[in-house]
Amino acid sequence: MDASHVADDLEAVILTEEQILARVAALADELHRDLAGSVPVFVGVLGGAATFTVDLARAYPAQVEIGWMAIKSYSTRNRASGSVRLLKDLDVDITGRHVVIVDGVIDTGLTMSWLISNLAQRNPASISVCALLRKPDTARFADTPTHIGFDVGPGLIVGYGLDHQGRYRNLRCAAILKPSWGTGLTPSPTAVATVPAAGDGLAAP
């Protein structure tokens, strides 16, 4: 589905499909430089990261194994409250393996922090994070290598696997949904997506 098919629902397109895929390829190369010589496990976070995880694996220039987890974080007024529930556990044994947690968007960082802590208890060789998008004021993950596709502004982002009430996952670009289409949403400032500065993802909180 293209943006033109749901143009009345969207406030702005922030990333085209071409921009996304080019950055996904760059992220795959970054990960390969860090993990060369191993067969890493990409742990995709369902359902928002499904598209990103598959495209990242396809762009990765070596063997990779894919596993999936699904968790639910509870929120109040569109912000996470601190409560996380596991809906689907990982089926892959990651003992001694290099693990990359793959997510579509990091918002508050609550979900990712929980995943890092949970998977660390399973004795992997290493854990790193790869997210396509990162929202403002997101906590950094100390001592966890982090690869970010784009830093984005506030607003409800849909497309490229990200949904609102189960819709828009098949939108080929990434876009901001109009405030009228989401409960409690407020208009966004000028929509911008930027590639983080080198090393920015590694900063401590």
N, C-alpha and C. Protein backbone atom coordinates (compact mmCIF):
# COMPACT_ATOMS: atom_id res chain seq x y z
N MET A 1 0.84 -1.19 0.00
CA MET A 1 0.00 0.00 0.00
C MET A 1 0.88 1.24 0.00
N ASP A 2 0.59 2.17 -0.87
CA ASP A 2 1.33 3.43 -0.95
C ASP A 2 0.62 4.52 -0.15
N ALA A 3 1.37 5.59 0.16
CA ALA A 3 0.79 6.70 0.92
C ALA A 3 -0.40 7.31 0.20
N SER A 4 -0.40 7.28 -1.11
CA SER A 4 -1.51 7.86 -1.87
C SER A 4 -2.83 7.14 -1.60
N HIS A 5 -2.76 5.88 -1.20
CA HIS A 5 -3.98 5.12 -0.94
C HIS A 5 -4.66 5.52 0.37
N VAL A 6 -3.91 6.14 1.29
CA VAL A 6 -4.47 6.56 2.58
C VAL A 6 -4.08 8.00 2.89
N ALA A 7 -3.97 8.81 1.83
CA ALA A 7 -3.47 10.18 1.99
C ALA A 7 -4.30 10.99 2.97
N ASP A 8 -5.60 10.76 3.04
CA ASP A 8 -6.46 11.53 3.93
C ASP A 8 -6.20 11.21 5.40
N ASP A 9 -5.56 10.08 5.67
CA ASP A 9 -5.30 9.67 7.06
C ASP A 9 -3.96 10.19 7.58
N LEU A 10 -3.10 10.65 6.68
CA LEU A 10 -1.72 10.94 7.06
C LEU A 10 -1.45 12.43 7.18
N GLU A 11 -0.68 12.77 8.19
CA GLU A 11 -0.23 14.16 8.35
C GLU A 11 0.98 14.45 7.49
N ALA A 12 1.91 13.49 7.45
CA ALA A 12 3.13 13.69 6.65
C ALA A 12 3.85 12.36 6.48
N VAL A 13 4.46 12.19 5.33
CA VAL A 13 5.38 11.06 5.12
C VAL A 13 6.76 11.51 5.60
N ILE A 14 7.36 10.76 6.50
CA ILE A 14 8.67 11.15 7.03
C ILE A 14 9.81 10.36 6.40
N LEU A 15 9.51 9.16 5.88
CA LEU A 15 10.54 8.36 5.23
C LEU A 15 9.92 7.60 4.07
N THR A 16 10.52 7.68 2.91
CA THR A 16 10.05 6.90 1.78
C THR A 16 10.56 5.47 1.90
N GLU A 17 9.98 4.59 1.11
CA GLU A 17 10.45 3.21 1.11
C GLU A 17 11.92 3.13 0.70
N GLU A 18 12.33 3.94 -0.26
CA GLU A 18 13.71 3.93 -0.73
C GLU A 18 14.67 4.39 0.38
N GLN A 19 14.29 5.42 1.13
CA GLN A 19 15.13 5.88 2.23
C GLN A 19 15.25 4.80 3.31
N ILE A 20 14.16 4.15 3.61
CA ILE A 20 14.18 3.11 4.64
C ILE A 20 15.09 1.96 4.23
N LEU A 21 14.91 1.46 3.01
CA LEU A 21 15.69 0.29 2.58
C LEU A 21 17.17 0.60 2.47
N ALA A 22 17.51 1.82 2.08
CA ALA A 22 18.92 2.21 2.02
C ALA A 22 19.53 2.20 3.42
N ARG A 23 18.78 2.70 4.38
CA ARG A 23 19.30 2.73 5.77
C ARG A 23 19.34 1.33 6.37
N VAL A 24 18.38 0.49 6.02
CA VAL A 24 18.39 -0.90 6.50
C VAL A 24 19.65 -1.61 6.00
N ALA A 25 20.01 -1.39 4.76
CA ALA A 25 21.23 -1.99 4.22
C ALA A 25 22.46 -1.50 4.97
N ALA A 26 22.49 -0.21 5.30
CA ALA A 26 23.63 0.34 6.05
C ALA A 26 23.70 -0.27 7.45
N LEU A 27 22.54 -0.43 8.10
CA LEU A 27 22.51 -1.04 9.43
C LEU A 27 23.00 -2.49 9.37
N ALA A 28 22.60 -3.21 8.34
CA ALA A 28 23.05 -4.60 8.18
C ALA A 28 24.57 -4.66 8.06
N ASP A 29 25.15 -3.73 7.33
CA ASP A 29 26.61 -3.69 7.19
C ASP A 29 27.28 -3.35 8.52
N GLU A 30 26.69 -2.42 9.29
CA GLU A 30 27.23 -2.07 10.61
C GLU A 30 27.24 -3.30 11.52
N LEU A 31 26.14 -4.02 11.54
CA LEU A 31 26.04 -5.20 12.38
C LEU A 31 27.05 -6.26 11.95
N HIS A 32 27.20 -6.44 10.65
CA HIS A 32 28.13 -7.45 10.17
C HIS A 32 29.57 -7.12 10.56
N ARG A 33 29.93 -5.84 10.55
CA ARG A 33 31.27 -5.46 10.99
C ARG A 33 31.50 -5.84 12.44
N ASP A 34 30.46 -5.69 13.26
CA ASP A 34 30.58 -6.02 14.69
C ASP A 34 30.56 -7.53 14.94
N LEU A 35 29.84 -8.28 14.11
CA LEU A 35 29.54 -9.69 14.40
C LEU A 35 30.14 -10.66 13.40
N ALA A 36 31.04 -10.18 12.56
CA ALA A 36 31.65 -11.04 11.54
C ALA A 36 32.30 -12.26 12.19
N GLY A 37 32.13 -13.42 11.54
CA GLY A 37 32.69 -14.65 12.07
C GLY A 37 31.74 -15.45 12.93
N SER A 38 30.55 -14.89 13.19
CA SER A 38 29.54 -15.59 13.98
C SER A 38 28.25 -15.70 13.18
N VAL A 39 27.33 -16.51 13.67
CA VAL A 39 25.98 -16.56 13.12
C VAL A 39 25.07 -15.95 14.18
N PRO A 40 24.78 -14.67 14.09
CA PRO A 40 24.00 -14.01 15.12
C PRO A 40 22.53 -14.44 15.10
N VAL A 41 21.86 -14.20 16.21
CA VAL A 41 20.43 -14.42 16.31
C VAL A 41 19.74 -13.06 16.33
N PHE A 42 18.93 -12.80 15.32
CA PHE A 42 18.11 -11.59 15.30
C PHE A 42 16.80 -11.91 16.02
N VAL A 43 16.53 -11.22 17.11
CA VAL A 43 15.30 -11.42 17.86
C VAL A 43 14.34 -10.29 17.51
N GLY A 44 13.38 -10.57 16.63
CA GLY A 44 12.42 -9.57 16.20
C GLY A 44 11.30 -9.42 17.21
N VAL A 45 10.93 -8.17 17.48
CA VAL A 45 9.86 -7.88 18.43
C VAL A 45 8.55 -7.75 17.65
N LEU A 46 7.67 -8.71 17.87
CA LEU A 46 6.38 -8.72 17.19
C LEU A 46 5.43 -7.72 17.82
N GLY A 47 4.42 -7.14 16.97
CA GLY A 47 4.43 -7.31 15.57
C GLY A 47 5.08 -6.18 14.80
N GLY A 48 5.43 -5.03 15.47
CA GLY A 48 5.89 -3.87 14.74
C GLY A 48 7.21 -4.04 14.03
N ALA A 49 8.06 -4.98 14.48
CA ALA A 49 9.38 -5.13 13.89
C ALA A 49 9.46 -6.25 12.87
N ALA A 50 8.35 -6.89 12.53
CA ALA A 50 8.40 -8.05 11.64
C ALA A 50 8.98 -7.68 10.27
N THR A 51 8.47 -6.61 9.67
CA THR A 51 8.96 -6.20 8.35
C THR A 51 10.43 -5.81 8.41
N PHE A 52 10.78 -5.00 9.40
CA PHE A 52 12.15 -4.54 9.56
C PHE A 52 13.10 -5.71 9.80
N THR A 53 12.71 -6.66 10.63
CA THR A 53 13.57 -7.80 10.95
C THR A 53 13.89 -8.61 9.70
N VAL A 54 12.86 -8.90 8.91
CA VAL A 54 13.06 -9.69 7.70
C VAL A 54 13.94 -8.95 6.69
N ASP A 55 13.67 -7.66 6.49
CA ASP A 55 14.48 -6.89 5.54
C ASP A 55 15.92 -6.76 6.02
N LEU A 56 16.11 -6.60 7.33
CA LEU A 56 17.46 -6.50 7.90
C LEU A 56 18.23 -7.81 7.68
N ALA A 57 17.55 -8.92 7.92
CA ALA A 57 18.18 -10.23 7.71
C ALA A 57 18.52 -10.45 6.24
N ARG A 58 17.64 -10.03 5.35
CA ARG A 58 17.90 -10.20 3.91
C ARG A 58 19.09 -9.35 3.46
N ALA A 59 19.28 -8.20 4.10
CA ALA A 59 20.39 -7.32 3.73
C ALA A 59 21.70 -7.73 4.40
N TYR A 60 21.63 -8.58 5.42
CA TYR A 60 22.82 -8.99 6.16
C TYR A 60 23.67 -9.89 5.26
N PRO A 61 24.96 -9.59 5.07
CA PRO A 61 25.75 -10.32 4.08
C PRO A 61 26.38 -11.61 4.61
N ALA A 62 25.67 -12.34 5.42
CA ALA A 62 26.17 -13.61 5.96
C ALA A 62 24.98 -14.34 6.58
N GLN A 63 25.27 -15.54 7.12
CA GLN A 63 24.21 -16.32 7.75
C GLN A 63 23.69 -15.64 9.01
N VAL A 64 22.41 -15.78 9.25
CA VAL A 64 21.78 -15.24 10.45
C VAL A 64 20.59 -16.13 10.81
N GLU A 65 20.31 -16.24 12.08
CA GLU A 65 19.13 -16.97 12.54
C GLU A 65 18.13 -15.96 13.08
N ILE A 66 16.85 -16.22 12.86
CA ILE A 66 15.80 -15.29 13.30
C ILE A 66 14.91 -15.97 14.33
N GLY A 67 14.64 -15.28 15.41
CA GLY A 67 13.66 -15.71 16.39
C GLY A 67 12.73 -14.55 16.70
N TRP A 68 11.64 -14.85 17.41
CA TRP A 68 10.62 -13.82 17.65
C TRP A 68 10.19 -13.80 19.11
N MET A 69 9.92 -12.60 19.60
CA MET A 69 9.30 -12.42 20.92
C MET A 69 8.17 -11.41 20.77
N ALA A 70 7.18 -11.53 21.64
CA ALA A 70 6.09 -10.55 21.68
C ALA A 70 5.85 -10.18 23.13
N ILE A 71 5.83 -8.90 23.40
CA ILE A 71 5.54 -8.44 24.75
C ILE A 71 4.57 -7.26 24.67
N LYS A 72 3.92 -7.01 25.77
CA LYS A 72 2.98 -5.89 25.84
C LYS A 72 3.38 -5.00 26.99
N SER A 73 3.55 -3.72 26.70
CA SER A 73 3.82 -2.75 27.76
C SER A 73 2.55 -1.93 27.97
N TYR A 74 2.23 -1.69 29.22
CA TYR A 74 1.00 -0.98 29.56
C TYR A 74 1.30 0.49 29.74
N SER A 75 0.39 1.32 29.26
CA SER A 75 0.64 2.75 29.27
C SER A 75 -0.57 3.53 29.76
N THR A 76 -0.29 4.76 30.18
CA THR A 76 -1.32 5.71 30.58
C THR A 76 -1.06 7.00 29.82
N ARG A 77 -2.08 7.51 29.14
CA ARG A 77 -1.96 8.74 28.34
C ARG A 77 -0.80 8.62 27.34
N ASN A 78 -0.77 7.47 26.68
CA ASN A 78 0.19 7.22 25.61
C ASN A 78 1.64 7.12 26.07
N ARG A 79 1.88 6.97 27.37
CA ARG A 79 3.23 6.79 27.86
C ARG A 79 3.29 5.51 28.67
N ALA A 80 4.41 4.81 28.61
CA ALA A 80 4.53 3.52 29.28
C ALA A 80 4.50 3.71 30.79
N SER A 81 3.83 2.79 31.48
CA SER A 81 3.67 2.88 32.93
C SER A 81 4.72 2.10 33.68
N GLY A 82 5.45 1.22 33.01
CA GLY A 82 6.46 0.43 33.69
C GLY A 82 6.11 -1.04 33.79
N SER A 83 4.93 -1.44 33.34
CA SER A 83 4.48 -2.82 33.42
C SER A 83 4.62 -3.49 32.06
N VAL A 84 5.28 -4.66 32.04
CA VAL A 84 5.52 -5.39 30.80
C VAL A 84 5.08 -6.83 30.99
N ARG A 85 4.40 -7.39 29.98
CA ARG A 85 3.96 -8.80 30.04
C ARG A 85 4.45 -9.53 28.80
N LEU A 86 5.00 -10.71 29.00
CA LEU A 86 5.49 -11.53 27.90
C LEU A 86 4.33 -12.27 27.26
N LEU A 87 4.16 -12.09 25.96
CA LEU A 87 3.08 -12.76 25.23
C LEU A 87 3.60 -13.97 24.45
N LYS A 88 4.80 -13.86 23.90
CA LYS A 88 5.42 -14.98 23.18
C LYS A 88 6.90 -15.00 23.48
N ASP A 89 7.39 -16.14 23.98
CA ASP A 89 8.79 -16.24 24.33
C ASP A 89 9.61 -16.69 23.12
N LEU A 90 10.90 -16.49 23.21
CA LEU A 90 11.83 -16.87 22.16
C LEU A 90 11.97 -18.39 22.10
N ASP A 91 11.95 -18.95 20.89
CA ASP A 91 12.06 -20.39 20.70
C ASP A 91 13.50 -20.85 20.47
N VAL A 92 14.43 -19.91 20.35
CA VAL A 92 15.82 -20.24 20.03
C VAL A 92 16.67 -20.22 21.30
N ASP A 93 17.54 -21.22 21.45
CA ASP A 93 18.49 -21.24 22.56
C ASP A 93 19.62 -20.26 22.22
N ILE A 94 19.79 -19.22 23.03
CA ILE A 94 20.79 -18.20 22.72
C ILE A 94 22.03 -18.32 23.60
N THR A 95 22.17 -19.39 24.33
CA THR A 95 23.36 -19.58 25.16
C THR A 95 24.62 -19.52 24.29
N GLY A 96 25.51 -18.61 24.65
CA GLY A 96 26.75 -18.46 23.90
C GLY A 96 26.61 -17.83 22.53
N ARG A 97 25.45 -17.32 22.19
CA ARG A 97 25.21 -16.73 20.87
C ARG A 97 25.25 -15.20 20.95
N HIS A 98 25.56 -14.59 19.82
CA HIS A 98 25.49 -13.13 19.70
C HIS A 98 24.07 -12.76 19.28
N VAL A 99 23.41 -11.97 20.11
CA VAL A 99 21.99 -11.66 19.94
C VAL A 99 21.81 -10.20 19.56
N VAL A 100 20.97 -9.96 18.56
CA VAL A 100 20.58 -8.60 18.18
C VAL A 100 19.07 -8.47 18.38
N ILE A 101 18.65 -7.60 19.28
CA ILE A 101 17.23 -7.34 19.48
C ILE A 101 16.80 -6.31 18.43
N VAL A 102 15.84 -6.68 17.61
CA VAL A 102 15.41 -5.83 16.49
C VAL A 102 14.02 -5.29 16.76
N ASP A 103 13.88 -3.97 16.77
CA ASP A 103 12.58 -3.35 17.02
C ASP A 103 12.32 -2.27 15.98
N GLY A 104 11.05 -2.00 15.74
CA GLY A 104 10.68 -1.00 14.76
C GLY A 104 10.88 0.41 15.27
N VAL A 105 10.48 0.65 16.52
CA VAL A 105 10.61 2.00 17.09
C VAL A 105 10.85 1.87 18.60
N ILE A 106 11.78 2.66 19.09
CA ILE A 106 12.00 2.78 20.53
C ILE A 106 11.34 4.07 20.97
N ASP A 107 10.38 3.96 21.85
CA ASP A 107 9.63 5.13 22.32
C ASP A 107 10.17 5.57 23.66
N THR A 108 9.70 4.97 24.75
CA THR A 108 10.23 5.33 26.07
C THR A 108 11.49 4.55 26.42
N GLY A 109 11.69 3.41 25.79
CA GLY A 109 12.82 2.55 26.13
C GLY A 109 12.45 1.48 27.13
N LEU A 110 11.24 1.51 27.67
CA LEU A 110 10.82 0.52 28.67
C LEU A 110 10.85 -0.90 28.12
N THR A 111 10.24 -1.09 26.96
CA THR A 111 10.18 -2.42 26.36
C THR A 111 11.58 -2.95 26.08
N MET A 112 12.43 -2.12 25.49
CA MET A 112 13.77 -2.57 25.15
C MET A 112 14.59 -2.88 26.39
N SER A 113 14.47 -2.06 27.43
CA SER A 113 15.20 -2.33 28.67
C SER A 113 14.78 -3.67 29.26
N TRP A 114 13.49 -3.97 29.21
CA TRP A 114 12.99 -5.25 29.73
C TRP A 114 13.55 -6.40 28.90
N LEU A 115 13.57 -6.25 27.59
CA LEU A 115 14.09 -7.31 26.72
C LEU A 115 15.57 -7.56 26.97
N ILE A 116 16.35 -6.50 27.10
CA ILE A 116 17.78 -6.65 27.37
C ILE A 116 17.99 -7.42 28.66
N SER A 117 17.27 -7.03 29.70
CA SER A 117 17.41 -7.70 30.99
C SER A 117 16.99 -9.16 30.93
N ASN A 118 15.87 -9.42 30.26
CA ASN A 118 15.35 -10.78 30.16
C ASN A 118 16.31 -11.68 29.39
N LEU A 119 16.81 -11.22 28.26
CA LEU A 119 17.67 -12.06 27.44
C LEU A 119 19.06 -12.22 28.05
N ALA A 120 19.50 -11.24 28.81
CA ALA A 120 20.81 -11.34 29.45
C ALA A 120 20.86 -12.51 30.44
N GLN A 121 19.72 -12.88 31.00
CA GLN A 121 19.67 -13.99 31.94
C GLN A 121 19.85 -15.35 31.26
N ARG A 122 19.85 -15.37 29.93
CA ARG A 122 19.96 -16.62 29.18
C ARG A 122 21.38 -16.89 28.69
N ASN A 123 22.33 -16.12 29.21
CA ASN A 123 23.76 -16.33 28.96
C ASN A 123 24.18 -16.26 27.49
N PRO A 124 23.76 -15.21 26.79
CA PRO A 124 24.26 -15.04 25.42
C PRO A 124 25.72 -14.57 25.45
N ALA A 125 26.40 -14.70 24.32
CA ALA A 125 27.76 -14.16 24.23
C ALA A 125 27.74 -12.63 24.26
N SER A 126 26.74 -12.05 23.64
CA SER A 126 26.58 -10.59 23.63
C SER A 126 25.15 -10.25 23.28
N ILE A 127 24.76 -9.03 23.63
CA ILE A 127 23.45 -8.49 23.24
C ILE A 127 23.68 -7.10 22.64
N SER A 128 23.08 -6.85 21.51
CA SER A 128 23.06 -5.51 20.94
C SER A 128 21.63 -5.20 20.50
N VAL A 129 21.39 -3.94 20.21
CA VAL A 129 20.06 -3.45 19.86
C VAL A 129 20.12 -2.83 18.48
N CYS A 130 19.10 -3.10 17.68
CA CYS A 130 18.96 -2.44 16.38
C CYS A 130 17.51 -2.01 16.21
N ALA A 131 17.28 -0.72 16.10
CA ALA A 131 15.92 -0.20 15.93
C ALA A 131 15.89 0.73 14.73
N LEU A 132 14.83 0.66 13.96
CA LEU A 132 14.73 1.53 12.80
C LEU A 132 14.53 2.98 13.21
N LEU A 133 13.67 3.22 14.22
CA LEU A 133 13.32 4.57 14.63
C LEU A 133 13.52 4.75 16.13
N ARG A 134 13.88 5.96 16.52
CA ARG A 134 14.01 6.30 17.95
C ARG A 134 13.32 7.63 18.21
N LYS A 135 12.42 7.65 19.18
CA LYS A 135 11.69 8.86 19.55
C LYS A 135 12.53 9.75 20.46
N PRO A 136 12.11 11.02 20.62
CA PRO A 136 12.83 11.93 21.51
C PRO A 136 12.79 11.45 22.96
N ASP A 137 13.80 11.82 23.73
CA ASP A 137 13.84 11.57 25.18
C ASP A 137 13.86 10.08 25.51
N THR A 138 14.28 9.25 24.58
CA THR A 138 14.38 7.82 24.85
C THR A 138 15.64 7.55 25.66
N ALA A 139 15.50 6.72 26.68
CA ALA A 139 16.67 6.35 27.48
C ALA A 139 17.67 5.59 26.63
N ARG A 140 18.98 5.84 26.86
CA ARG A 140 20.02 5.07 26.22
C ARG A 140 20.26 3.81 27.05
N PHE A 141 20.89 2.82 26.45
CA PHE A 141 21.09 1.53 27.10
C PHE A 141 22.58 1.35 27.37
N ALA A 142 22.98 1.67 28.59
CA ALA A 142 24.39 1.63 28.97
C ALA A 142 24.97 0.24 28.72
N ASP A 143 26.16 0.21 28.15
CA ASP A 143 26.92 -1.03 27.91
C ASP A 143 26.26 -1.95 26.89
N THR A 144 25.24 -1.49 26.18
CA THR A 144 24.60 -2.30 25.14
C THR A 144 24.77 -1.59 23.80
N PRO A 145 25.59 -2.14 22.90
CA PRO A 145 25.74 -1.50 21.59
C PRO A 145 24.38 -1.31 20.92
N THR A 146 24.16 -0.12 20.41
CA THR A 146 22.84 0.23 19.87
C THR A 146 22.99 0.85 18.49
N HIS A 147 22.25 0.30 17.54
CA HIS A 147 22.26 0.79 16.16
C HIS A 147 20.88 1.36 15.85
N ILE A 148 20.83 2.62 15.46
CA ILE A 148 19.56 3.32 15.22
C ILE A 148 19.50 3.75 13.75
N GLY A 149 18.37 3.47 13.12
CA GLY A 149 18.20 3.90 11.74
C GLY A 149 18.00 5.40 11.62
N PHE A 150 16.97 5.91 12.31
CA PHE A 150 16.64 7.32 12.25
C PHE A 150 16.13 7.80 13.60
N ASP A 151 16.49 9.02 13.97
CA ASP A 151 15.84 9.72 15.07
C ASP A 151 14.65 10.47 14.50
N VAL A 152 13.50 10.34 15.16
CA VAL A 152 12.28 10.96 14.67
C VAL A 152 11.64 11.81 15.76
N GLY A 153 10.77 12.72 15.36
CA GLY A 153 10.07 13.56 16.30
C GLY A 153 8.85 12.87 16.88
N PRO A 154 8.08 13.60 17.69
CA PRO A 154 6.87 13.03 18.28
C PRO A 154 5.79 12.80 17.23
N GLY A 155 4.77 12.08 17.63
CA GLY A 155 3.67 11.75 16.73
C GLY A 155 3.53 10.26 16.57
N LEU A 156 2.36 9.80 16.18
CA LEU A 156 2.10 8.38 16.00
C LEU A 156 2.56 7.97 14.60
N ILE A 157 3.60 7.15 14.54
CA ILE A 157 4.18 6.73 13.27
C ILE A 157 3.59 5.40 12.85
N VAL A 158 3.18 5.32 11.60
CA VAL A 158 2.62 4.09 11.04
C VAL A 158 3.36 3.76 9.75
N GLY A 159 3.20 2.52 9.33
CA GLY A 159 3.80 2.08 8.09
C GLY A 159 5.07 1.29 8.32
N TYR A 160 5.49 0.55 7.30
CA TYR A 160 6.67 -0.30 7.35
C TYR A 160 6.61 -1.21 8.59
N GLY A 161 5.44 -1.81 8.81
CA GLY A 161 5.24 -2.74 9.89
C GLY A 161 4.62 -2.15 11.14
N LEU A 162 4.66 -0.83 11.29
CA LEU A 162 4.08 -0.18 12.47
C LEU A 162 2.61 0.11 12.22
N ASP A 163 1.79 -0.14 13.25
CA ASP A 163 0.35 -0.04 13.04
C ASP A 163 -0.32 0.94 13.98
N HIS A 164 -1.56 1.21 13.69
CA HIS A 164 -2.48 1.86 14.63
C HIS A 164 -3.78 1.06 14.59
N GLN A 165 -4.11 0.43 15.71
CA GLN A 165 -5.30 -0.41 15.82
C GLN A 165 -5.35 -1.47 14.72
N GLY A 166 -4.17 -2.04 14.45
CA GLY A 166 -4.08 -3.14 13.49
C GLY A 166 -3.99 -2.74 12.03
N ARG A 167 -4.05 -1.46 11.74
CA ARG A 167 -4.01 -1.00 10.35
C ARG A 167 -2.69 -0.29 10.03
N TYR A 168 -2.43 -0.13 8.76
CA TYR A 168 -1.30 0.62 8.19
C TYR A 168 0.02 -0.15 8.21
N ARG A 169 0.05 -1.38 8.71
CA ARG A 169 1.32 -2.13 8.72
C ARG A 169 1.87 -2.31 7.31
N ASN A 170 0.99 -2.45 6.34
CA ASN A 170 1.42 -2.71 4.97
C ASN A 170 1.70 -1.44 4.18
N LEU A 171 1.70 -0.29 4.84
CA LEU A 171 2.10 0.96 4.19
C LEU A 171 3.60 0.90 3.91
N ARG A 172 4.01 1.19 2.71
CA ARG A 172 5.40 0.96 2.30
C ARG A 172 6.37 2.00 2.84
N CYS A 173 5.87 3.17 3.20
CA CYS A 173 6.69 4.24 3.76
C CYS A 173 6.45 4.32 5.27
N ALA A 174 7.07 5.29 5.93
CA ALA A 174 6.77 5.60 7.33
C ALA A 174 6.15 6.99 7.36
N ALA A 175 5.04 7.14 8.09
CA ALA A 175 4.31 8.40 8.06
C ALA A 175 3.73 8.71 9.43
N ILE A 176 3.44 9.98 9.65
CA ILE A 176 2.76 10.42 10.87
C ILE A 176 1.26 10.39 10.61
N LEU A 177 0.53 9.73 11.50
CA LEU A 177 -0.92 9.67 11.38
C LEU A 177 -1.54 10.98 11.85
N LYS A 178 -2.58 11.43 11.17
CA LYS A 178 -3.25 12.66 11.58
C LYS A 178 -3.81 12.52 12.99
N PRO A 179 -3.80 13.60 13.79
CA PRO A 179 -4.30 13.53 15.16
C PRO A 179 -5.73 13.03 15.25
N SER A 180 -6.56 13.33 14.27
CA SER A 180 -7.97 12.93 14.32
C SER A 180 -8.15 11.43 14.26
N TRP A 181 -7.08 10.69 13.86
CA TRP A 181 -7.20 9.25 13.71
C TRP A 181 -6.72 8.47 14.93
N GLY A 182 -6.27 9.17 15.95
CA GLY A 182 -5.80 8.48 17.15
C GLY A 182 -6.27 9.18 18.41
N THR A 183 -6.69 8.43 19.41
CA THR A 183 -7.19 9.01 20.64
C THR A 183 -6.08 9.75 21.38
N GLY A 184 -6.36 10.99 21.73
CA GLY A 184 -5.43 11.75 22.55
C GLY A 184 -4.21 12.28 21.82
N LEU A 185 -4.15 12.14 20.52
CA LEU A 185 -2.98 12.62 19.79
C LEU A 185 -3.05 14.13 19.60
N THR A 186 -1.89 14.75 19.58
CA THR A 186 -1.81 16.18 19.32
C THR A 186 -1.00 16.40 18.06
N PRO A 187 -1.23 17.50 17.38
CA PRO A 187 -0.47 17.74 16.14
C PRO A 187 1.03 17.74 16.39
N SER A 188 1.78 17.24 15.41
CA SER A 188 3.23 17.16 15.53
C SER A 188 3.87 18.43 14.99
N PRO A 189 5.08 18.76 15.49
CA PRO A 189 5.84 19.82 14.82
C PRO A 189 6.28 19.32 13.46
N THR A 190 7.05 20.09 12.75
CA THR A 190 7.50 19.68 11.42
C THR A 190 8.11 18.29 11.48
N ALA A 191 7.60 17.39 10.67
CA ALA A 191 8.04 15.99 10.73
C ALA A 191 9.42 15.85 10.10
N VAL A 192 10.36 15.30 10.88
CA VAL A 192 11.73 15.14 10.41
C VAL A 192 12.25 13.79 10.89
N ALA A 193 13.01 13.12 10.04
CA ALA A 193 13.72 11.91 10.43
C ALA A 193 15.18 12.09 10.08
N THR A 194 16.07 11.90 11.04
CA THR A 194 17.49 12.11 10.81
C THR A 194 18.29 10.88 11.23
N VAL A 195 19.40 10.65 10.53
CA VAL A 195 20.31 9.57 10.91
C VAL A 195 21.12 10.04 12.11
N PRO A 196 21.20 9.24 13.19
CA PRO A 196 21.95 9.66 14.38
C PRO A 196 23.43 9.87 14.06
N ALA A 197 24.07 10.74 14.83
CA ALA A 197 25.50 10.92 14.70
C ALA A 197 26.21 9.62 15.09
N ALA A 198 27.37 9.40 14.54
CA ALA A 198 28.13 8.18 14.83
C ALA A 198 28.35 8.06 16.33
N GLY A 199 28.01 6.86 16.87
CA GLY A 199 28.22 6.59 18.28
C GLY A 199 27.11 7.09 19.18
N ASP A 200 26.13 7.79 18.63
CA ASP A 200 25.08 8.37 19.50
C ASP A 200 24.28 7.29 20.19
N GLY A 201 24.05 6.17 19.54
CA GLY A 201 23.28 5.10 20.15
C GLY A 201 23.96 4.45 21.32
N LEU A 202 25.28 4.71 21.50
CA LEU A 202 26.02 4.04 22.56
C LEU A 202 26.05 4.86 23.84
N ALA A 203 25.46 6.05 23.83
CA ALA A 203 25.53 6.90 25.01
C ALA A 203 24.81 6.30 26.19
N ALA A 204 25.34 6.52 27.37
CA ALA A 204 24.69 6.04 28.60
C ALA A 204 23.55 6.97 28.95
N PRO A 205 22.61 6.51 29.81
CA PRO A 205 21.49 7.36 30.19
C PRO A 205 21.97 8.65 30.85
